[in-house]
Amino acid sequence: MWEQLPALIGVAVGAVGSYAATSLTERSRWRRARAERWDQKRLDTYASYANTLKHQINIAQRIGASRGFQHAVDPLDPEQGLTQLAEAEARRAAEWESVLLVGDAETIGAARKWHEAVWNIELYARGLKTDPPGWEQAIRHLSQARDDFYTLARRDLGITGPPPPSGNWPRAWQQQDEPT
């Protein structure tokens, strides 16, 4: 019996070591899979929120175009557009809840600034603000808020490098429309 004891101890140590290694490997695999699921969920949430905001922006800019502001080529009658704008805001508010659940604090802050910039554009669309220089400033602020959101969302998702900036598209748009 004493002669077989070292072999039995070796088998026991090997079994414990094998169990520990397998357990650690499985735990690591599970954590990676969970992180990938949450990364995908954050990506889907950020993309959906951005698309919802862009739809809201499009409606507000089209209404703004009917009020004489630039940056939209397809004016939308304010009476019809304000109904669409209210529906778009309701969708944005619903999407916002998902951002609050899965986003990190800085990305949530940037998302909030972006939708507040959209609300400022909506004031022009609703006829509550009417100054063209203010509209231009609001459009620039909107573009910067969008860029900030995408920069922080990409960082939260582990995507390296900044997104391409939206640039000064209001000026570029005006230059395209000017006769040459």
Protein backbone atom coordinates (compact mmCIF):
# COMPACT_ATOMS: atom_id res chain seq x y z
CA MET A 1 0.00 0.00 0.00
CA TRP A 2 2.76 2.45 0.88
CA GLU A 3 4.34 1.77 -2.48
CA GLN A 4 1.21 2.89 -4.31
CA LEU A 5 0.67 6.06 -2.20
CA PRO A 6 2.92 8.31 -4.35
CA ALA A 7 1.01 7.23 -7.46
CA LEU A 8 -2.35 7.91 -5.77
CA ILE A 9 -1.16 11.34 -4.63
CA GLY A 10 0.01 12.06 -8.16
CA VAL A 11 -3.38 11.08 -9.59
CA ALA A 12 -5.18 13.22 -6.98
CA VAL A 13 -2.93 16.24 -7.64
CA GLY A 14 -3.39 15.79 -11.38
CA ALA A 15 -7.17 15.58 -11.03
CA VAL A 16 -7.30 18.71 -8.85
CA GLY A 17 -4.98 20.54 -11.26
CA SER A 18 -7.02 19.47 -14.27
CA TYR A 19 -10.25 20.56 -12.57
CA ALA A 20 -8.76 23.93 -11.60
CA ALA A 21 -7.39 24.56 -15.10
CA THR A 22 -10.70 23.61 -16.74
CA SER A 23 -12.65 25.72 -14.28
CA LEU A 24 -10.47 28.79 -14.88
CA THR A 25 -10.63 28.32 -18.64
CA GLU A 26 -14.43 28.02 -18.61
CA ARG A 27 -14.81 31.03 -16.33
CA SER A 28 -12.58 33.08 -18.64
CA ARG A 29 -14.53 31.93 -21.70
CA TRP A 30 -17.83 32.81 -20.04
CA ARG A 31 -16.56 36.30 -19.12
CA ARG A 32 -15.35 36.92 -22.67
CA ALA A 33 -18.68 35.79 -24.11
CA ARG A 34 -20.57 38.02 -21.67
CA ALA A 35 -18.37 41.01 -22.55
CA GLU A 36 -18.94 40.39 -26.26
CA ARG A 37 -22.71 40.23 -25.74
CA TRP A 38 -22.68 43.53 -23.84
CA ASP A 39 -20.40 45.15 -26.41
CA GLN A 40 -22.86 44.13 -29.13
CA LYS A 41 -25.79 45.39 -27.05
CA ARG A 42 -24.07 48.75 -26.49
CA LEU A 43 -23.26 49.00 -30.21
CA ASP A 44 -26.87 48.25 -31.15
CA THR A 45 -28.19 50.71 -28.55
CA TYR A 46 -25.85 53.54 -29.58
CA ALA A 47 -26.56 52.99 -33.28
CA SER A 48 -30.31 52.86 -32.76
CA TYR A 49 -30.25 56.01 -30.63
CA ALA A 50 -28.14 57.84 -33.21
CA ASN A 51 -30.46 56.83 -36.04
CA THR A 52 -33.48 57.94 -34.04
CA LEU A 53 -31.89 61.32 -33.37
CA LYS A 54 -30.88 61.72 -37.00
CA HIS A 55 -34.49 61.10 -38.04
CA GLN A 56 -35.63 63.74 -35.56
CA ILE A 57 -32.99 66.17 -36.87
CA ASN A 58 -34.10 65.55 -40.44
CA ILE A 59 -37.70 66.40 -39.62
CA ALA A 60 -36.71 69.54 -37.67
CA GLN A 61 -34.43 70.73 -40.47
CA ARG A 62 -37.09 70.13 -43.10
CA ILE A 63 -39.58 72.18 -41.06
CA GLY A 64 -36.84 74.80 -40.64
CA ALA A 65 -36.41 74.86 -44.42
CA SER A 66 -40.10 75.68 -44.80
CA ARG A 67 -39.52 78.58 -42.40
CA GLY A 68 -36.68 79.88 -44.56
CA PHE A 69 -33.65 78.34 -42.83
CA GLN A 70 -30.98 76.56 -44.83
CA HIS A 71 -29.53 73.02 -44.66
CA ALA A 72 -32.51 71.02 -45.86
CA VAL A 73 -33.54 70.48 -49.44
CA ASP A 74 -37.02 69.09 -48.87
CA PRO A 75 -39.17 71.57 -46.91
CA LEU A 76 -41.89 70.08 -44.76
CA ASP A 77 -45.10 71.90 -43.90
CA PRO A 78 -44.87 72.84 -40.20
CA GLU A 79 -48.37 71.60 -39.39
CA GLN A 80 -47.64 68.15 -40.78
CA GLY A 81 -44.03 68.18 -39.59
CA LEU A 82 -44.75 69.08 -35.99
CA THR A 83 -46.84 65.91 -35.63
CA GLN A 84 -43.96 63.88 -37.06
CA LEU A 85 -41.54 65.70 -34.79
CA ALA A 86 -43.60 64.79 -31.71
CA GLU A 87 -43.63 61.13 -32.80
CA ALA A 88 -39.88 61.22 -33.39
CA GLU A 89 -39.31 62.72 -29.93
CA ALA A 90 -41.40 59.93 -28.37
CA ARG A 91 -39.22 57.33 -30.14
CA ARG A 92 -36.07 59.15 -29.02
CA ALA A 93 -37.25 59.20 -25.41
CA ALA A 94 -37.88 55.44 -25.53
CA GLU A 95 -34.43 54.80 -27.04
CA TRP A 96 -32.89 57.05 -24.38
CA GLU A 97 -33.85 54.57 -21.68
CA SER A 98 -31.70 51.90 -23.34
CA VAL A 99 -28.76 54.30 -23.55
CA LEU A 100 -29.13 54.97 -19.83
CA LEU A 101 -29.05 51.24 -19.11
CA VAL A 102 -26.00 50.22 -21.13
CA GLY A 103 -23.93 53.35 -21.68
CA ASP A 104 -21.02 54.59 -19.65
CA ALA A 105 -21.35 57.94 -17.87
CA GLU A 106 -19.37 60.00 -20.40
CA THR A 107 -21.22 58.60 -23.40
CA ILE A 108 -24.56 59.19 -21.70
CA GLY A 109 -23.49 62.80 -21.05
CA ALA A 110 -22.54 63.27 -24.70
CA ALA A 111 -25.82 61.71 -25.83
CA ARG A 112 -27.70 64.11 -23.56
CA LYS A 113 -25.86 67.11 -25.03
CA TRP A 114 -26.64 65.87 -28.53
CA HIS A 115 -30.37 65.54 -27.91
CA GLU A 116 -30.39 68.92 -26.16
CA ALA A 117 -28.81 70.38 -29.32
CA VAL A 118 -31.62 68.73 -31.30
CA TRP A 119 -34.17 70.34 -29.01
CA ASN A 120 -32.58 73.72 -29.79
CA ILE A 121 -33.06 73.07 -33.53
CA GLU A 122 -36.66 72.13 -32.77
CA LEU A 123 -37.24 75.57 -31.25
CA TYR A 124 -36.56 77.00 -34.71
CA ALA A 125 -38.72 74.36 -36.36
CA ARG A 126 -41.57 75.24 -34.01
CA GLY A 127 -41.20 78.95 -34.78
CA LEU A 128 -40.16 79.82 -31.22
CA LYS A 129 -36.81 81.12 -32.45
CA THR A 130 -36.44 82.93 -35.75
CA ASP A 131 -32.93 84.39 -36.05
CA PRO A 132 -30.91 82.95 -38.99
CA PRO A 133 -27.52 83.49 -37.27
CA GLY A 134 -28.84 81.56 -34.26
CA TRP A 135 -29.96 78.75 -36.58
CA GLU A 136 -26.46 78.58 -38.08
CA GLN A 137 -24.92 78.45 -34.61
CA ALA A 138 -27.40 75.78 -33.51
CA ILE A 139 -26.49 73.65 -36.56
CA ARG A 140 -22.77 73.96 -35.76
CA HIS A 141 -23.41 73.07 -32.12
CA LEU A 142 -25.50 70.09 -33.26
CA SER A 143 -22.64 68.83 -35.44
CA GLN A 144 -20.14 69.18 -32.61
CA ALA A 145 -22.44 67.39 -30.17
CA ARG A 146 -22.84 64.55 -32.68
CA ASP A 147 -19.08 64.26 -33.13
CA ASP A 148 -18.57 64.21 -29.35
CA PHE A 149 -21.15 61.45 -28.93
CA TYR A 150 -19.58 59.26 -31.61
CA THR A 151 -16.09 59.80 -30.19
CA LEU A 152 -17.15 58.69 -26.71
CA ALA A 153 -19.36 55.85 -27.95
CA ARG A 154 -16.45 54.49 -30.00
CA ARG A 155 -14.17 54.71 -26.98
CA ASP A 156 -16.75 52.89 -24.83
CA LEU A 157 -16.92 50.15 -27.47
CA GLY A 158 -13.13 49.86 -27.59
CA ILE A 159 -12.88 51.18 -31.15
CA THR A 160 -9.59 52.99 -31.63
CA GLY A 161 -9.29 56.32 -33.35
CA PRO A 162 -11.83 59.09 -33.68
CA PRO A 163 -14.71 58.97 -36.13
CA PRO A 164 -14.43 61.19 -39.17
CA PRO A 165 -15.67 64.64 -38.14
CA SER A 166 -18.91 65.88 -39.58
CA GLY A 167 -17.01 69.01 -40.56
CA ASN A 168 -18.42 72.37 -41.39
CA TRP A 169 -21.17 71.03 -43.63
CA PRO A 170 -23.46 74.06 -43.34
CA ARG A 171 -20.86 76.22 -45.11
CA ALA A 172 -20.10 73.52 -47.67
CA TRP A 173 -23.83 73.14 -48.34
CA GLN A 174 -24.23 76.86 -48.94
CA GLN A 175 -21.26 76.91 -51.30
CA GLN A 176 -22.77 74.09 -53.37
CA ASP A 177 -26.05 75.96 -53.71
CA GLU A 178 -24.44 79.22 -54.75
CA PRO A 179 -24.30 79.85 -58.49
CA THR A 180 -20.85 79.54 -59.99
